[in-house]
């Protein structure tokens, strides 16, 4: 079930070391694991998360069965897991940073957003302890700099983790030059969303650090074949 505590726990138990999830904040500032702005698609309840108190959101059941989780609960339940957390709203910025602080989770959390402005606020408030993804502007600059080889390495980008698609329209984004530029900067590159086994093999051969996928079974099979899959926990 999407963004459920049981799904995250199962992925960790099967050997996935990096888990991806989304967060929003309730009207009273509780950070919940939730992708959509509203509850209707994934739960048996309705309403806009940002306008509801936690007391109302906690009654919702994902797929009619499992409660919506607080981020704090998930971090506590999986203390050794690393998380890529997509911060879905400006309202969640302060609350999510406070959760990371309370849980002393700076070293195992990367905060991401498609909104460049939101990332800037996260970095400013979170400070140097916080790991963030590159925003769209920095990702574009990183790609452009990779076309210049080492001449482009001085172009500044903000963030420590490049999370990029394989293609942007007809443009190939991830190739040897991009991976080389990422390596020279001491960053990591994760590619989304990769569900085709042939593409998985191609990107792993290129040396990317991570793949975001809706088919973890196929990724696991590929990593097992390479002898790169950890034992189940």
Protein backbone atom coordinates (compact mmCIF):
# COMPACT_ATOMS: atom_id res chain seq x y z
CA UNK A 1 0.00 0.00 0.00
CA UNK A 2 1.37 3.36 -1.06
CA UNK A 3 3.33 5.22 1.65
CA UNK A 4 2.19 2.80 4.33
CA UNK A 5 4.37 1.89 7.29
CA UNK A 6 4.02 -1.79 6.43
CA UNK A 7 5.26 -1.25 2.86
CA UNK A 8 8.31 0.65 4.07
CA UNK A 9 9.05 -1.98 6.72
CA UNK A 10 8.71 -4.77 4.16
CA UNK A 11 11.08 -3.04 1.73
CA UNK A 12 13.65 -2.63 4.49
CA UNK A 13 13.28 -6.25 5.61
CA UNK A 14 13.83 -7.44 2.03
CA UNK A 15 17.14 -5.59 1.84
CA UNK A 16 16.40 -2.15 0.39
CA UNK A 17 18.68 0.25 2.27
CA UNK A 18 17.22 3.48 0.85
CA UNK A 19 13.51 4.13 1.13
CA UNK A 20 11.61 6.88 -0.68
CA UNK A 21 8.52 8.52 0.74
CA UNK A 22 6.57 11.78 0.76
CA UNK A 23 5.44 14.03 3.58
CA UNK A 24 2.91 16.75 4.25
CA UNK A 25 1.92 18.63 7.39
CA UNK A 26 -1.49 18.66 9.03
CA UNK A 27 -3.17 21.87 10.13
CA UNK A 28 -1.62 21.48 13.58
CA UNK A 29 1.89 20.81 12.27
CA UNK A 30 2.13 17.03 12.46
CA UNK A 31 4.28 15.58 9.65
CA UNK A 32 2.49 12.68 7.97
CA UNK A 33 3.66 10.23 5.34
CA UNK A 34 1.39 11.19 2.46
CA UNK A 35 1.87 11.95 -1.24
CA UNK A 36 -1.38 13.62 -2.25
CA UNK A 37 -2.71 16.90 -0.93
CA UNK A 38 -6.00 15.12 -0.24
CA UNK A 39 -6.82 11.81 1.41
CA UNK A 40 -9.37 10.49 -1.09
CA UNK A 41 -7.21 8.53 -3.55
CA UNK A 42 -5.34 6.31 -1.09
CA UNK A 43 -7.51 6.20 2.04
CA UNK A 44 -11.11 5.66 3.07
CA UNK A 45 -11.40 9.30 4.17
CA UNK A 46 -11.63 12.65 2.41
CA UNK A 47 -10.31 16.14 2.95
CA UNK A 48 -7.25 18.30 2.43
CA UNK A 49 -4.41 17.22 4.72
CA UNK A 50 -3.20 20.77 5.31
CA UNK A 51 -6.61 21.85 6.63
CA UNK A 52 -7.24 18.85 8.88
CA UNK A 53 -5.88 18.30 12.40
CA UNK A 54 -3.88 15.18 13.11
CA UNK A 55 -6.79 13.84 15.14
CA UNK A 56 -8.82 13.67 11.91
CA UNK A 57 -6.04 12.40 9.63
CA UNK A 58 -5.12 9.59 12.01
CA UNK A 59 -8.60 8.10 11.56
CA UNK A 60 -8.01 7.62 7.80
CA UNK A 61 -7.09 4.11 6.66
CA UNK A 62 -4.83 3.47 3.67
CA UNK A 63 -6.64 1.02 1.44
CA UNK A 64 -9.29 0.87 4.14
CA UNK A 65 -6.91 -1.02 6.44
CA UNK A 66 -3.79 0.77 7.67
CA UNK A 67 -3.54 4.16 9.39
CA UNK A 68 -1.61 7.09 7.94
CA UNK A 69 1.75 7.29 9.73
CA UNK A 70 3.58 10.17 11.29
CA UNK A 71 7.10 10.59 9.91
CA UNK A 72 8.44 10.32 13.44
CA UNK A 73 6.90 6.87 13.81
CA UNK A 74 8.50 5.63 10.60
CA UNK A 75 11.96 6.95 11.52
CA UNK A 76 11.65 5.35 14.94
CA UNK A 77 10.48 2.00 13.57
CA UNK A 78 13.37 1.80 11.05
CA UNK A 79 16.32 3.36 12.89
CA UNK A 80 18.98 2.08 10.48
CA UNK A 81 17.17 2.85 7.22
CA UNK A 82 18.05 5.83 5.05
CA UNK A 83 15.24 7.92 3.66
CA UNK A 84 14.73 10.12 0.66
CA UNK A 85 11.82 12.33 1.71
CA UNK A 86 9.97 14.46 -0.81
CA UNK A 87 8.64 17.51 1.05
CA UNK A 88 5.35 18.12 -0.74
CA UNK A 89 4.33 21.48 0.72
CA UNK A 90 5.78 24.70 2.08
CA UNK A 91 3.70 24.12 5.20
CA UNK A 92 5.76 20.99 5.96
CA UNK A 93 9.20 22.63 5.82
CA UNK A 94 9.51 23.73 9.44
CA UNK A 95 7.76 20.69 10.91
CA UNK A 96 9.84 18.16 8.97
CA UNK A 97 13.09 19.81 10.02
CA UNK A 98 11.96 19.71 13.64
CA UNK A 99 11.24 15.99 13.31
CA UNK A 100 14.69 15.34 11.84
CA UNK A 101 16.22 17.32 14.71
CA UNK A 102 14.22 15.49 17.41
CA UNK A 103 15.11 12.12 15.91
CA UNK A 104 18.80 13.05 15.34
CA UNK A 105 18.28 11.76 11.80
CA UNK A 106 20.45 14.24 9.89
CA UNK A 107 22.86 11.55 8.68
CA UNK A 108 20.16 9.26 7.26
CA UNK A 109 17.68 11.65 5.70
CA UNK A 110 17.83 13.45 2.36
CA UNK A 111 15.10 16.01 1.80
CA UNK A 112 13.92 16.56 -1.75
CA UNK A 113 11.47 18.75 -3.62
CA UNK A 114 10.66 19.70 -7.18
CA UNK A 115 10.29 23.29 -5.97
CA UNK A 116 13.60 25.18 -6.07
CA UNK A 117 12.38 27.83 -3.64
CA UNK A 118 11.32 25.20 -1.11
CA UNK A 119 14.75 23.60 -1.30
CA UNK A 120 16.43 26.95 -0.68
CA UNK A 121 14.34 27.43 2.46
CA UNK A 122 15.12 23.91 3.64
CA UNK A 123 18.85 24.49 3.20
CA UNK A 124 18.78 27.87 4.87
CA UNK A 125 16.86 26.66 7.90
CA UNK A 126 18.41 23.19 8.09
CA UNK A 127 21.98 24.39 7.74
CA UNK A 128 25.05 22.33 6.81
CA UNK A 129 23.86 19.18 8.57
CA UNK A 130 21.02 18.77 6.12
CA UNK A 131 21.38 16.72 2.95
CA UNK A 132 19.15 17.80 0.08
CA UNK A 133 18.68 16.83 -3.52
CA UNK A 134 19.61 19.18 -6.32
CA UNK A 135 16.73 21.34 -7.48
CA UNK A 136 15.72 21.57 -11.10
CA UNK A 137 17.97 24.56 -11.77
CA UNK A 138 21.04 22.90 -10.27
CA UNK A 139 20.28 19.65 -12.08
CA UNK A 140 20.12 21.51 -15.39
CA UNK A 141 23.39 23.27 -14.60
CA UNK A 142 25.02 19.98 -13.65
CA UNK A 143 23.98 18.45 -16.95
CA UNK A 144 25.23 21.49 -18.89
CA UNK A 145 28.54 21.44 -17.01
CA UNK A 146 28.97 17.75 -17.82
CA UNK A 147 29.01 18.63 -21.53
CA UNK A 148 32.13 20.73 -20.86
CA UNK A 149 34.12 17.99 -19.15
CA UNK A 150 36.43 19.20 -16.39
CA UNK A 151 36.03 22.76 -17.65
CA UNK A 152 32.51 22.70 -16.27
CA UNK A 153 33.35 21.41 -12.80
CA UNK A 154 33.59 24.91 -11.34
CA UNK A 155 29.99 25.79 -12.11
CA UNK A 156 28.18 25.90 -8.73
CA UNK A 157 25.31 23.56 -7.91
CA UNK A 158 23.36 23.37 -4.65
CA UNK A 159 22.65 20.01 -3.03
CA UNK A 160 24.46 16.73 -2.53
CA UNK A 161 22.34 14.28 -4.45
CA UNK A 162 21.35 14.52 -8.11
CA UNK A 163 17.97 12.91 -8.65
CA UNK A 164 17.26 13.00 -12.34
CA UNK A 165 15.23 11.23 -15.04
CA UNK A 166 16.91 9.11 -17.68
CA UNK A 167 15.40 11.35 -20.36
CA UNK A 168 13.85 14.79 -20.43
CA UNK A 169 11.62 14.63 -23.47
CA UNK A 170 13.87 13.52 -26.32
CA UNK A 171 17.03 14.57 -24.47
CA UNK A 172 19.16 11.87 -22.86
CA UNK A 173 20.06 13.13 -19.37
CA UNK A 174 22.04 10.29 -17.78
CA UNK A 175 25.16 9.18 -19.62
CA UNK A 176 28.87 8.65 -18.95
CA UNK A 177 29.56 12.38 -18.99
CA UNK A 178 26.93 13.15 -16.36
CA UNK A 179 28.07 10.32 -14.10
CA UNK A 180 31.67 11.53 -14.50
CA UNK A 181 30.72 15.08 -13.56
CA UNK A 182 28.83 13.81 -10.51
CA UNK A 183 31.82 11.74 -9.39
CA UNK A 184 34.28 14.62 -9.75
CA UNK A 185 32.05 16.78 -7.54
CA UNK A 186 31.75 14.09 -4.86
CA UNK A 187 27.98 13.84 -5.32
CA UNK A 188 25.65 10.91 -5.92
CA UNK A 189 23.24 10.36 -8.78
CA UNK A 190 19.90 8.57 -8.54
CA UNK A 191 17.74 8.01 -11.62
CA UNK A 192 13.94 7.90 -11.66
CA UNK A 193 11.66 6.17 -12.49
CA UNK A 194 13.26 3.02 -13.96
CA UNK A 195 11.00 -0.03 -14.35
CA UNK A 196 12.55 -1.76 -17.38
CA UNK A 197 15.19 -4.43 -16.61
CA UNK A 198 17.30 -3.52 -19.65
CA UNK A 199 17.42 0.12 -18.54
CA UNK A 200 18.29 -0.99 -15.01
CA UNK A 201 21.24 -2.98 -16.32
CA UNK A 202 22.39 -0.12 -18.52
CA UNK A 203 22.33 2.40 -15.68
CA UNK A 204 23.96 0.10 -13.15
CA UNK A 205 26.73 -0.52 -15.70
CA UNK A 206 27.17 3.26 -15.95
CA UNK A 207 27.76 3.37 -12.20
CA UNK A 208 24.76 5.30 -10.93
CA UNK A 209 24.32 5.20 -7.17
CA UNK A 210 20.62 4.47 -7.06
CA UNK A 211 17.50 3.72 -9.06
CA UNK A 212 14.00 4.82 -8.12
CA UNK A 213 11.57 2.19 -9.31
CA UNK A 214 7.98 1.02 -9.08
CA UNK A 215 9.25 -2.52 -9.74
CA UNK A 216 11.53 -3.34 -6.82
CA UNK A 217 11.14 -7.04 -7.64
CA UNK A 218 12.87 -6.53 -10.99
CA UNK A 219 15.60 -4.37 -9.48
CA UNK A 220 16.20 -6.92 -6.78
CA UNK A 221 16.51 -9.72 -9.35
CA UNK A 222 19.08 -7.70 -11.29
CA UNK A 223 21.12 -6.94 -8.18
CA UNK A 224 20.96 -10.57 -7.05
CA UNK A 225 22.28 -11.63 -10.46
CA UNK A 226 25.19 -9.22 -9.99
CA UNK A 227 25.94 -10.48 -6.49
CA UNK A 228 25.15 -7.01 -5.16
CA UNK A 229 22.05 -7.77 -3.10
CA UNK A 230 22.37 -7.76 0.72
CA UNK A 231 21.00 -10.60 2.78
CA UNK A 232 17.44 -10.12 3.96
CA UNK A 233 17.27 -8.53 7.38
